[in-house]
Amino acid sequence: MNYVRCINNQGYEASLTAGMVYKVLPGGSDKTSLRVVDNEGEDYLYDASRFEPVEYSGPLPDSMENLTIRLDPVLKSIIHAEALAAQKSVSALLREWIDERLDLPVGA
């Protein structure tokens, strides 16, 4: 999965937030464009110069076995980007992730 941080939201203030991490989807038209899931949960082509790559070497949600409350800022941003892409709140995404991976009693 690829993630980028917005470094220039000029002209797209409603769709992009400077400093925020976004998920990149396949399908950019060329090397100068990125298909990014924006603040509205929609994917659009944006000029690649508006973003910088986000490098993270820790575990991503699919490979994690434990969930902790303390998250470093990059992982927190990646989870937020995943929630935007799924058009869900971060809380809903995390609850769904927990439900899929743990056998918790109903109402726990």
PDB file of N, CA and C in Angstrom:
ATOM      1  N   MET A   1       0.836  -1.175   0.000  1.00  0.00           N
ATOM      2  CA  MET A   1       0.000   0.000   0.000  1.00  0.00           C
ATOM      3  C   MET A   1       0.880   1.237   0.000  1.00  0.00           C
ATOM      4  N   ASN A   2       0.410   2.261  -0.664  1.00  0.00           N
ATOM      5  CA  ASN A   2       1.153   3.511  -0.726  1.00  0.00           C
ATOM      6  C   ASN A   2       0.383   4.616  -0.032  1.00  0.00           C
ATOM      7  N   TYR A   3       1.137   5.423   0.692  1.00  0.00           N
ATOM      8  CA  TYR A   3       0.566   6.566   1.384  1.00  0.00           C
ATOM      9  C   TYR A   3       1.416   7.790   1.086  1.00  0.00           C
ATOM     10  N   VAL A   4       0.756   8.942   1.056  1.00  0.00           N
ATOM     11  CA  VAL A   4       1.453  10.198   0.815  1.00  0.00           C
ATOM     12  C   VAL A   4       0.956  11.238   1.810  1.00  0.00           C
ATOM     13  N   ARG A   5       1.799  12.233   2.080  1.00  0.00           N
ATOM     14  CA  ARG A   5       1.430  13.351   2.941  1.00  0.00           C
ATOM     15  C   ARG A   5       1.254  14.569   2.046  1.00  0.00           C
ATOM     16  N   CYS A   6       0.159  15.280   2.243  1.00  0.00           N
ATOM     17  CA  CYS A   6      -0.115  16.483   1.463  1.00  0.00           C
ATOM     18  C   CYS A   6       0.819  17.600   1.914  1.00  0.00           C
ATOM     19  N   ILE A   7       1.514  18.196   0.958  1.00  0.00           N
ATOM     20  CA  ILE A   7       2.401  19.314   1.272  1.00  0.00           C
ATOM     21  C   ILE A   7       1.911  20.616   0.635  1.00  0.00           C
ATOM     22  N   ASN A   8       0.875  20.519  -0.205  1.00  0.00           N
ATOM     23  CA  ASN A   8       0.330  21.714  -0.850  1.00  0.00           C
ATOM     24  C   ASN A   8      -1.139  21.460  -1.193  1.00  0.00           C
ATOM     25  N   ASN A   9      -2.035  22.105  -0.459  1.00  0.00           N
ATOM     26  CA  ASN A   9      -3.465  21.935  -0.728  1.00  0.00           C
ATOM     27  C   ASN A   9      -4.082  23.180  -1.365  1.00  0.00           C
ATOM     28  N   GLN A  10      -3.245  24.101  -1.825  1.00  0.00           N
ATOM     29  CA  GLN A  10      -3.732  25.358  -2.392  1.00  0.00           C
ATOM     30  C   GLN A  10      -4.689  25.088  -3.555  1.00  0.00           C
ATOM     31  N   GLY A  11      -5.887  25.647  -3.436  1.00  0.00           N
ATOM     32  CA  GLY A  11      -6.919  25.448  -4.443  1.00  0.00           C
ATOM     33  C   GLY A  11      -7.799  24.233  -4.185  1.00  0.00           C
ATOM     34  N   TYR A  12      -7.395  23.378  -3.231  1.00  0.00           N
ATOM     35  CA  TYR A  12      -8.146  22.164  -2.905  1.00  0.00           C
ATOM     36  C   TYR A  12      -8.354  22.061  -1.393  1.00  0.00           C
ATOM     37  N   GLU A  13      -8.553  23.203  -0.744  1.00  0.00           N
ATOM     38  CA  GLU A  13      -8.638  23.229   0.717  1.00  0.00           C
ATOM     39  C   GLU A  13      -9.763  22.357   1.274  1.00  0.00           C
ATOM     40  N   ALA A  14     -10.852  22.204   0.550  1.00  0.00           N
ATOM     41  CA  ALA A  14     -11.961  21.366   1.033  1.00  0.00           C
ATOM     42  C   ALA A  14     -11.659  19.878   0.866  1.00  0.00           C
ATOM     43  N   SER A  15     -10.837  19.539  -0.101  1.00  0.00           N
ATOM     44  CA  SER A  15     -10.571  18.134  -0.414  1.00  0.00           C
ATOM     45  C   SER A  15      -9.294  17.598   0.205  1.00  0.00           C
ATOM     46  N   LEU A  16      -8.312  18.472   0.415  1.00  0.00           N
ATOM     47  CA  LEU A  16      -7.019  18.058   0.939  1.00  0.00           C
ATOM     48  C   LEU A  16      -6.644  18.927   2.129  1.00  0.00           C
ATOM     49  N   THR A  17      -5.969  18.322   3.103  1.00  0.00           N
ATOM     50  CA  THR A  17      -5.492  19.044   4.272  1.00  0.00           C
ATOM     51  C   THR A  17      -3.975  18.933   4.300  1.00  0.00           C
ATOM     52  N   ALA A  18      -3.297  20.072   4.303  1.00  0.00           N
ATOM     53  CA  ALA A  18      -1.835  20.062   4.361  1.00  0.00           C
ATOM     54  C   ALA A  18      -1.371  19.324   5.613  1.00  0.00           C
ATOM     55  N   GLY A  19      -0.413  18.435   5.448  1.00  0.00           N
ATOM     56  CA  GLY A  19       0.127  17.654   6.560  1.00  0.00           C
ATOM     57  C   GLY A  19      -0.581  16.333   6.797  1.00  0.00           C
ATOM     58  N   MET A  20      -1.714  16.118   6.160  1.00  0.00           N
ATOM     59  CA  MET A  20      -2.494  14.894   6.368  1.00  0.00           C
ATOM     60  C   MET A  20      -2.001  13.783   5.431  1.00  0.00           C
ATOM     61  N   VAL A  21      -2.084  12.536   5.897  1.00  0.00           N
ATOM     62  CA  VAL A  21      -1.680  11.378   5.113  1.00  0.00           C
ATOM     63  C   VAL A  21      -2.890  10.833   4.360  1.00  0.00           C
ATOM     64  N   TYR A  22      -2.671  10.474   3.099  1.00  0.00           N
ATOM     65  CA  TYR A  22      -3.735   9.947   2.234  1.00  0.00           C
ATOM     66  C   TYR A  22      -3.288   8.642   1.589  1.00  0.00           C
ATOM     67  N   LYS A  23      -4.269   7.816   1.278  1.00  0.00           N
ATOM     68  CA  LYS A  23      -4.008   6.549   0.596  1.00  0.00           C
ATOM     69  C   LYS A  23      -3.972   6.798  -0.909  1.00  0.00           C
ATOM     70  N   VAL A  24      -2.997   6.184  -1.585  1.00  0.00           N
ATOM     71  CA  VAL A  24      -2.871   6.280  -3.035  1.00  0.00           C
ATOM     72  C   VAL A  24      -3.386   4.985  -3.637  1.00  0.00           C
ATOM     73  N   LEU A  25      -4.273   5.114  -4.609  1.00  0.00           N
ATOM     74  CA  LEU A  25      -4.823   3.965  -5.320  1.00  0.00           C
ATOM     75  C   LEU A  25      -4.124   3.809  -6.656  1.00  0.00           C
ATOM     76  N   PRO A  26      -4.114   2.595  -7.206  1.00  0.00           N
ATOM     77  CA  PRO A  26      -3.549   2.431  -8.542  1.00  0.00           C
ATOM     78  C   PRO A  26      -4.415   3.171  -9.560  1.00  0.00           C
ATOM     79  N   GLY A  27      -3.819   3.541 -10.664  1.00  0.00           N
ATOM     80  CA  GLY A  27      -4.612   4.131 -11.733  1.00  0.00           C
ATOM     81  C   GLY A  27      -4.317   5.572 -12.023  1.00  0.00           C
ATOM     82  N   GLY A  28      -3.177   6.084 -11.579  1.00  0.00           N
ATOM     83  CA  GLY A  28      -2.795   7.427 -11.986  1.00  0.00           C
ATOM     84  C   GLY A  28      -2.560   7.427 -13.488  1.00  0.00           C
ATOM     85  N   SER A  29      -2.916   8.515 -14.143  1.00  0.00           N
ATOM     86  CA  SER A  29      -2.818   8.545 -15.599  1.00  0.00           C
ATOM     87  C   SER A  29      -1.377   8.575 -16.095  1.00  0.00           C
ATOM     88  N   ASP A  30      -0.468   9.136 -15.324  1.00  0.00           N
ATOM     89  CA  ASP A  30       0.946   9.175 -15.688  1.00  0.00           C
ATOM     90  C   ASP A  30       1.769   9.367 -14.422  1.00  0.00           C
ATOM     91  N   LYS A  31       3.059   9.539 -14.577  1.00  0.00           N
ATOM     92  CA  LYS A  31       3.927   9.656 -13.393  1.00  0.00           C
ATOM     93  C   LYS A  31       3.796  10.993 -12.679  1.00  0.00           C
ATOM     94  N   THR A  32       3.081  11.946 -13.280  1.00  0.00           N
ATOM     95  CA  THR A  32       2.933  13.254 -12.641  1.00  0.00           C
ATOM     96  C   THR A  32       1.639  13.359 -11.854  1.00  0.00           C
ATOM     97  N   SER A  33       0.799  12.330 -11.884  1.00  0.00           N
ATOM     98  CA  SER A  33      -0.489  12.338 -11.182  1.00  0.00           C
ATOM     99  C   SER A  33      -0.595  11.160 -10.239  1.00  0.00           C
ATOM    100  N   LEU A  34      -1.336  11.376  -9.154  1.00  0.00           N
ATOM    101  CA  LEU A  34      -1.627  10.310  -8.195  1.00  0.00           C
ATOM    102  C   LEU A  34      -3.130  10.238  -7.990  1.00  0.00           C
ATOM    103  N   ARG A  35      -3.671   9.013  -7.912  1.00  0.00           N
ATOM    104  CA  ARG A  35      -5.082   8.831  -7.574  1.00  0.00           C
ATOM    105  C   ARG A  35      -5.141   8.689  -6.057  1.00  0.00           C
ATOM    106  N   VAL A  36      -5.670   9.726  -5.397  1.00  0.00           N
ATOM    107  CA  VAL A  36      -5.651   9.831  -3.943  1.00  0.00           C
ATOM    108  C   VAL A  36      -7.076   9.837  -3.409  1.00  0.00           C
ATOM    109  N   VAL A  37      -7.307   9.108  -2.305  1.00  0.00           N
ATOM    110  CA  VAL A  37      -8.588   9.167  -1.602  1.00  0.00           C
ATOM    111  C   VAL A  37      -8.530  10.400  -0.714  1.00  0.00           C
ATOM    112  N   ASP A  38      -9.382  11.390  -1.022  1.00  0.00           N
ATOM    113  CA  ASP A  38      -9.305  12.687  -0.348  1.00  0.00           C
ATOM    114  C   ASP A  38     -10.172  12.759   0.903  1.00  0.00           C
ATOM    115  N   ASN A  39     -10.324  13.973   1.456  1.00  0.00           N
ATOM    116  CA  ASN A  39     -11.087  14.178   2.696  1.00  0.00           C
ATOM    117  C   ASN A  39     -12.543  13.767   2.581  1.00  0.00           C
ATOM    118  N   GLU A  40     -13.068  13.765   1.374  1.00  0.00           N
ATOM    119  CA  GLU A  40     -14.469  13.411   1.162  1.00  0.00           C
ATOM    120  C   GLU A  40     -14.648  11.910   0.923  1.00  0.00           C
ATOM    121  N   GLY A  41     -13.547  11.146   0.969  1.00  0.00           N
ATOM    122  CA  GLY A  41     -13.614   9.705   0.758  1.00  0.00           C
ATOM    123  C   GLY A  41     -13.700   9.323  -0.702  1.00  0.00           C
ATOM    124  N   GLU A  42     -13.509  10.289  -1.585  1.00  0.00           N
ATOM    125  CA  GLU A  42     -13.546  10.044  -3.027  1.00  0.00           C
ATOM    126  C   GLU A  42     -12.122   9.975  -3.554  1.00  0.00           C
ATOM    127  N   ASP A  43     -11.914   9.193  -4.626  1.00  0.00           N
ATOM    128  CA  ASP A  43     -10.588   9.166  -5.218  1.00  0.00           C
ATOM    129  C   ASP A  43     -10.566  10.049  -6.470  1.00  0.00           C
ATOM    130  N   TYR A  44      -9.564  10.902  -6.509  1.00  0.00           N
ATOM    131  CA  TYR A  44      -9.375  11.837  -7.616  1.00  0.00           C
ATOM    132  C   TYR A  44      -7.902  11.866  -7.993  1.00  0.00           C
ATOM    133  N   LEU A  45      -7.641  12.278  -9.228  1.00  0.00           N
ATOM    134  CA  LEU A  45      -6.265  12.475  -9.662  1.00  0.00           C
ATOM    135  C   LEU A  45      -5.802  13.857  -9.220  1.00  0.00           C
ATOM    136  N   TYR A  46      -4.677  13.877  -8.539  1.00  0.00           N
ATOM    137  CA  TYR A  46      -4.053  15.128  -8.119  1.00  0.00           C
ATOM    138  C   TYR A  46      -2.627  15.143  -8.646  1.00  0.00           C
ATOM    139  N   ASP A  47      -2.093  16.326  -8.833  1.00  0.00           N
ATOM    140  CA  ASP A  47      -0.712  16.474  -9.251  1.00  0.00           C
ATOM    141  C   ASP A  47       0.187  15.895  -8.159  1.00  0.00           C
ATOM    142  N   ALA A  48       1.125  15.056  -8.545  1.00  0.00           N
ATOM    143  CA  ALA A  48       1.995  14.374  -7.588  1.00  0.00           C
ATOM    144  C   ALA A  48       2.846  15.355  -6.787  1.00  0.00           C
ATOM    145  N   SER A  49       3.089  16.544  -7.323  1.00  0.00           N
ATOM    146  CA  SER A  49       3.926  17.513  -6.616  1.00  0.00           C
ATOM    147  C   SER A  49       3.249  18.058  -5.360  1.00  0.00           C
ATOM    148  N   ARG A  50       1.972  17.774  -5.173  1.00  0.00           N
ATOM    149  CA  ARG A  50       1.250  18.209  -3.964  1.00  0.00           C
ATOM    150  C   ARG A  50       1.540  17.301  -2.771  1.00  0.00           C
ATOM    151  N   PHE A  51       2.259  16.202  -2.994  1.00  0.00           N
ATOM    152  CA  PHE A  51       2.435  15.184  -1.969  1.00  0.00           C
ATOM    153  C   PHE A  51       3.895  14.769  -1.837  1.00  0.00           C
ATOM    154  N   GLU A  52       4.198  14.205  -0.669  1.00  0.00           N
ATOM    155  CA  GLU A  52       5.481  13.548  -0.454  1.00  0.00           C
ATOM    156  C   GLU A  52       5.194  12.134   0.029  1.00  0.00           C
ATOM    157  N   PRO A  53       6.044  11.173  -0.321  1.00  0.00           N
ATOM    158  CA  PRO A  53       5.796   9.794   0.114  1.00  0.00           C
ATOM    159  C   PRO A  53       5.903   9.660   1.633  1.00  0.00           C
ATOM    160  N   VAL A  54       5.128   8.731   2.185  1.00  0.00           N
ATOM    161  CA  VAL A  54       5.195   8.416   3.614  1.00  0.00           C
ATOM    162  C   VAL A  54       5.841   7.047   3.728  1.00  0.00           C
ATOM    163  N   GLU A  55       6.934   7.002   4.438  1.00  0.00           N
ATOM    164  CA  GLU A  55       7.640   5.745   4.661  1.00  0.00           C
ATOM    165  C   GLU A  55       7.329   5.268   6.067  1.00  0.00           C
ATOM    166  N   TYR A  56       6.937   4.007   6.192  1.00  0.00           N
ATOM    167  CA  TYR A  56       6.661   3.435   7.500  1.00  0.00           C
ATOM    168  C   TYR A  56       7.118   1.994   7.486  1.00  0.00           C
ATOM    169  N   SER A  57       7.979   1.645   8.427  1.00  0.00           N
ATOM    170  CA  SER A  57       8.526   0.293   8.447  1.00  0.00           C
ATOM    171  C   SER A  57       7.877  -0.597   9.487  1.00  0.00           C
ATOM    172  N   GLY A  58       6.965  -0.063  10.273  1.00  0.00           N
ATOM    173  CA  GLY A  58       6.287  -0.850  11.298  1.00  0.00           C
ATOM    174  C   GLY A  58       5.170  -1.685  10.704  1.00  0.00           C
ATOM    175  N   PRO A  59       4.483  -2.450  11.535  1.00  0.00           N
ATOM    176  CA  PRO A  59       3.392  -3.288  11.030  1.00  0.00           C
ATOM    177  C   PRO A  59       2.192  -2.454  10.610  1.00  0.00           C
ATOM    178  N   LEU A  60       1.552  -2.841   9.533  1.00  0.00           N
ATOM    179  CA  LEU A  60       0.310  -2.215   9.101  1.00  0.00           C
ATOM    180  C   LEU A  60      -0.855  -3.006   9.668  1.00  0.00           C
ATOM    181  N   PRO A  61      -2.063  -2.455   9.701  1.00  0.00           N
ATOM    182  CA  PRO A  61      -3.192  -3.113  10.349  1.00  0.00           C
ATOM    183  C   PRO A  61      -3.404  -4.571   9.955  1.00  0.00           C
ATOM    184  N   ASP A  62      -3.204  -4.951   8.692  1.00  0.00           N
ATOM    185  CA  ASP A  62      -3.440  -6.337   8.283  1.00  0.00           C
ATOM    186  C   ASP A  62      -2.456  -7.315   8.920  1.00  0.00           C
ATOM    187  N   SER A  63      -1.283  -6.850   9.310  1.00  0.00           N
ATOM    188  CA  SER A  63      -0.283  -7.761   9.847  1.00  0.00           C
ATOM    189  C   SER A  63      -0.164  -7.678  11.366  1.00  0.00           C
ATOM    190  N   MET A  64      -0.950  -6.847  11.993  1.00  0.00           N
ATOM    191  CA  MET A  64      -0.870  -6.698  13.443  1.00  0.00           C
ATOM    192  C   MET A  64      -1.669  -7.783  14.152  1.00  0.00           C
ATOM    193  N   GLU A  65      -1.127  -8.274  15.241  1.00  0.00           N
ATOM    194  CA  GLU A  65      -1.856  -9.238  16.056  1.00  0.00           C
ATOM    195  C   GLU A  65      -2.399  -8.578  17.313  1.00  0.00           C
ATOM    196  N   ASN A  66      -1.797  -7.501  17.727  1.00  0.00           N
ATOM    197  CA  ASN A  66      -2.239  -6.790  18.924  1.00  0.00           C
ATOM    198  C   ASN A  66      -2.580  -5.352  18.563  1.00  0.00           C
ATOM    199  N   LEU A  67      -3.514  -4.820  19.283  1.00  0.00           N
ATOM    200  CA  LEU A  67      -3.877  -3.421  19.098  1.00  0.00           C
ATOM    201  C   LEU A  67      -3.536  -2.681  20.370  1.00  0.00           C
ATOM    202  N   THR A  68      -2.823  -1.594  20.248  1.00  0.00           N
ATOM    203  CA  THR A  68      -2.504  -0.807  21.427  1.00  0.00           C
ATOM    204  C   THR A  68      -3.089   0.587  21.259  1.00  0.00           C
ATOM    205  N   ILE A  69      -3.306   1.246  22.335  1.00  0.00           N
ATOM    206  CA  ILE A  69      -3.903   2.580  22.290  1.00  0.00           C
ATOM    207  C   ILE A  69      -2.892   3.613  21.838  1.00  0.00           C
ATOM    208  N   ARG A  70      -1.641   3.446  22.179  1.00  0.00           N
ATOM    209  CA  ARG A  70      -0.611   4.401  21.782  1.00  0.00           C
ATOM    210  C   ARG A  70      -0.124   4.079  20.379  1.00  0.00           C
ATOM    211  N   LEU A  71      -0.365   5.004  19.452  1.00  0.00           N
ATOM    212  CA  LEU A  71       0.072   4.840  18.072  1.00  0.00           C
ATOM    213  C   LEU A  71       0.996   5.987  17.705  1.00  0.00           C
ATOM    214  N   ASP A  72       2.052   5.674  16.961  1.00  0.00           N
ATOM    215  CA  ASP A  72       2.899   6.774  16.518  1.00  0.00           C
ATOM    216  C   ASP A  72       2.149   7.575  15.457  1.00  0.00           C
ATOM    217  N   PRO A  73       2.524   8.807  15.239  1.00  0.00           N
ATOM    218  CA  PRO A  73       1.765   9.696  14.349  1.00  0.00           C
ATOM    219  C   PRO A  73       1.619   9.178  12.920  1.00  0.00           C
ATOM    220  N   VAL A  74       2.632   8.488  12.388  1.00  0.00           N
ATOM    221  CA  VAL A  74       2.542   8.002  11.006  1.00  0.00           C
ATOM    222  C   VAL A  74       1.498   6.903  10.902  1.00  0.00           C
ATOM    223  N   LEU A  75       1.523   5.932  11.809  1.00  0.00           N
ATOM    224  CA  LEU A  75       0.540   4.855  11.757  1.00  0.00           C
ATOM    225  C   LEU A  75      -0.866   5.396  11.989  1.00  0.00           C
ATOM    226  N   LYS A  76      -0.999   6.327  12.901  1.00  0.00           N
ATOM    227  CA  LYS A  76      -2.305   6.948  13.144  1.00  0.00           C
ATOM    228  C   LYS A  76      -2.822   7.601  11.867  1.00  0.00           C
ATOM    229  N   SER A  77      -1.942   8.283  11.142  1.00  0.00           N
ATOM    230  CA  SER A  77      -2.329   8.912   9.879  1.00  0.00           C
ATOM    231  C   SER A  77      -2.699   7.875   8.819  1.00  0.00           C
ATOM    232  N   ILE A  78      -1.987   6.759   8.785  1.00  0.00           N
ATOM    233  CA  ILE A  78      -2.294   5.698   7.826  1.00  0.00           C
ATOM    234  C   ILE A  78      -3.661   5.102   8.125  1.00  0.00           C
ATOM    235  N   ILE A  79      -3.966   4.874   9.395  1.00  0.00           N
ATOM    236  CA  ILE A  79      -5.283   4.346   9.765  1.00  0.00           C
ATOM    237  C   ILE A  79      -6.366   5.343   9.369  1.00  0.00           C
ATOM    238  N   HIS A  80      -6.105   6.617   9.560  1.00  0.00           N
ATOM    239  CA  HIS A  80      -7.063   7.647   9.159  1.00  0.00           C
ATOM    240  C   HIS A  80      -7.273   7.611   7.642  1.00  0.00           C
ATOM    241  N   ALA A  81      -6.181   7.446   6.874  1.00  0.00           N
ATOM    242  CA  ALA A  81      -6.283   7.359   5.417  1.00  0.00           C
ATOM    243  C   ALA A  81      -7.091   6.128   4.996  1.00  0.00           C
ATOM    244  N   GLU A  82      -6.898   5.005   5.685  1.00  0.00           N
ATOM    245  CA  GLU A  82      -7.670   3.788   5.406  1.00  0.00           C
ATOM    246  C   GLU A  82      -9.150   4.020   5.690  1.00  0.00           C
ATOM    247  N   ALA A  83      -9.453   4.729   6.775  1.00  0.00           N
ATOM    248  CA  ALA A  83     -10.847   5.013   7.120  1.00  0.00           C
ATOM    249  C   ALA A  83     -11.495   5.897   6.059  1.00  0.00           C
ATOM    250  N   LEU A  84     -10.774   6.910   5.587  1.00  0.00           N
ATOM    251  CA  LEU A  84     -11.306   7.753   4.517  1.00  0.00           C
ATOM    252  C   LEU A  84     -11.580   6.926   3.265  1.00  0.00           C
ATOM    253  N   ALA A  85     -10.630   6.055   2.912  1.00  0.00           N
ATOM    254  CA  ALA A  85     -10.790   5.228   1.713  1.00  0.00           C
ATOM    255  C   ALA A  85     -11.982   4.292   1.837  1.00  0.00           C
ATOM    256  N   ALA A  86     -12.236   3.811   3.046  1.00  0.00           N
ATOM    257  CA  ALA A  86     -13.360   2.898   3.280  1.00  0.00           C
ATOM    258  C   ALA A  86     -14.659   3.651   3.550  1.00  0.00           C
ATOM    259  N   GLN A  87     -14.565   4.987   3.612  1.00  0.00           N
ATOM    260  CA  GLN A  87     -15.706   5.851   3.914  1.00  0.00           C
ATOM    261  C   GLN A  87     -16.351   5.479   5.248  1.00  0.00           C
ATOM    262  N   LYS A  88     -15.479   5.310   6.256  1.00  0.00           N
ATOM    263  CA  LYS A  88     -15.913   4.974   7.611  1.00  0.00           C
ATOM    264  C   LYS A  88     -15.160   5.863   8.585  1.00  0.00           C
ATOM    265  N   SER A  89     -15.669   5.947   9.781  1.00  0.00           N
ATOM    266  CA  SER A  89     -14.909   6.640  10.824  1.00  0.00           C
ATOM    267  C   SER A  89     -13.755   5.734  11.256  1.00  0.00           C
ATOM    268  N   VAL A  90     -12.746   6.330  11.853  1.00  0.00           N
ATOM    269  CA  VAL A  90     -11.629   5.542  12.359  1.00  0.00           C
ATOM    270  C   VAL A  90     -12.137   4.541  13.388  1.00  0.00           C
ATOM    271  N   SER A  91     -13.039   4.985  14.254  1.00  0.00           N
ATOM    272  CA  SER A  91     -13.593   4.090  15.281  1.00  0.00           C
ATOM    273  C   SER A  91     -14.295   2.899  14.652  1.00  0.00           C
ATOM    274  N   ALA A  92     -15.113   3.156  13.626  1.00  0.00           N
ATOM    275  CA  ALA A  92     -15.841   2.065  12.967  1.00  0.00           C
ATOM    276  C   ALA A  92     -14.870   1.115  12.297  1.00  0.00           C
ATOM    277  N   LEU A  93     -13.838   1.653  11.651  1.00  0.00           N
ATOM    278  CA  LEU A  93     -12.848   0.805  10.989  1.00  0.00           C
ATOM    279  C   LEU A  93     -12.126  -0.075  12.003  1.00  0.00           C
ATOM    280  N   LEU A  94     -11.719   0.513  13.137  1.00  0.00           N
ATOM    281  CA  LEU A  94     -11.018  -0.271  14.155  1.00  0.00           C
ATOM    282  C   LEU A  94     -11.929  -1.314  14.796  1.00  0.00           C
ATOM    283  N   ARG A  95     -13.195  -0.952  15.050  1.00  0.00           N
ATOM    284  CA  ARG A  95     -14.140  -1.941  15.606  1.00  0.00           C
ATOM    285  C   ARG A  95     -14.320  -3.101  14.632  1.00  0.00           C
ATOM    286  N   GLU A  96     -14.447  -2.788  13.341  1.00  0.00           N
ATOM    287  CA  GLU A  96     -14.594  -3.832  12.325  1.00  0.00           C
ATOM    288  C   GLU A  96     -13.351  -4.712  12.292  1.00  0.00           C
ATOM    289  N   TRP A  97     -12.172  -4.099  12.356  1.00  0.00           N
ATOM    290  CA  TRP A  97     -10.921  -4.849  12.347  1.00  0.00           C
ATOM    291  C   TRP A  97     -10.847  -5.784  13.547  1.00  0.00           C
ATOM    292  N   ILE A  98     -11.228  -5.286  14.717  1.00  0.00           N
ATOM    293  CA  ILE A  98     -11.208  -6.100  15.934  1.00  0.00           C
ATOM    294  C   ILE A  98     -12.211  -7.246  15.815  1.00  0.00           C
ATOM    295  N   ASP A  99     -13.422  -6.948  15.344  1.00  0.00           N
ATOM    296  CA  ASP A  99     -14.445  -7.988  15.192  1.00  0.00           C
ATOM    297  C   ASP A  99     -13.998  -9.086  14.240  1.00  0.00           C
ATOM    298  N   GLU A 100     -13.289  -8.731  13.177  1.00  0.00           N
ATOM    299  CA  GLU A 100     -12.849  -9.715  12.195  1.00  0.00           C
ATOM    300  C   GLU A 100     -11.748 -10.621  12.730  1.00  0.00           C
ATOM    301  N   ARG A 101     -10.966 -10.136  13.680  1.00  0.00           N
ATOM    302  CA  ARG A 101      -9.780 -10.871  14.111  1.00  0.00           C
ATOM    303  C   ARG A 101      -9.855 -11.482  15.510  1.00  0.00           C
ATOM    304  N   LEU A 102     -10.816 -11.048  16.302  1.00  0.00           N
ATOM    305  CA  LEU A 102     -10.925 -11.545  17.668  1.00  0.00           C
ATOM    306  C   LEU A 102     -12.282 -12.188  17.906  1.00  0.00           C
ATOM    307  N   ASP A 103     -12.305 -13.199  18.724  1.00  0.00           N
ATOM    308  CA  ASP A 103     -13.574 -13.811  19.129  1.00  0.00           C
ATOM    309  C   ASP A 103     -14.021 -13.176  20.442  1.00  0.00           C
ATOM    310  N   LEU A 104     -14.643 -12.024  20.345  1.00  0.00           N
ATOM    311  CA  LEU A 104     -15.141 -11.361  21.545  1.00  0.00           C
ATOM    312  C   LEU A 104     -16.610 -11.659  21.700  1.00  0.00           C
ATOM    313  N   PRO A 105     -17.096 -11.783  22.933  1.00  0.00           N
ATOM    314  CA  PRO A 105     -18.525 -11.977  23.128  1.00  0.00           C
ATOM    315  C   PRO A 105     -19.296 -10.753  22.651  1.00  0.00           C
ATOM    316  N   VAL A 106     -20.507 -10.959  22.178  1.00  0.00           N
ATOM    317  CA  VAL A 106     -21.352  -9.856  21.719  1.00  0.00           C
ATOM    318  C   VAL A 106     -21.552  -8.906  22.881  1.00  0.00           C
ATOM    319  N   GLY A 107     -21.415  -7.606  22.614  1.00  0.00           N
ATOM    320  CA  GLY A 107     -21.577  -6.587  23.639  1.00  0.00           C
ATOM    321  C   GLY A 107     -20.330  -6.321  24.449  1.00  0.00           C
ATOM    322  N   ALA A 108     -19.209  -6.978  24.097  1.00  0.00           N
ATOM    323  CA  ALA A 108     -17.955  -6.746  24.844  1.00  0.00           C
ATOM    324  C   ALA A 108     -17.320  -5.455  24.432  1.00  0.00           C
TER     325      ALA A 108
END
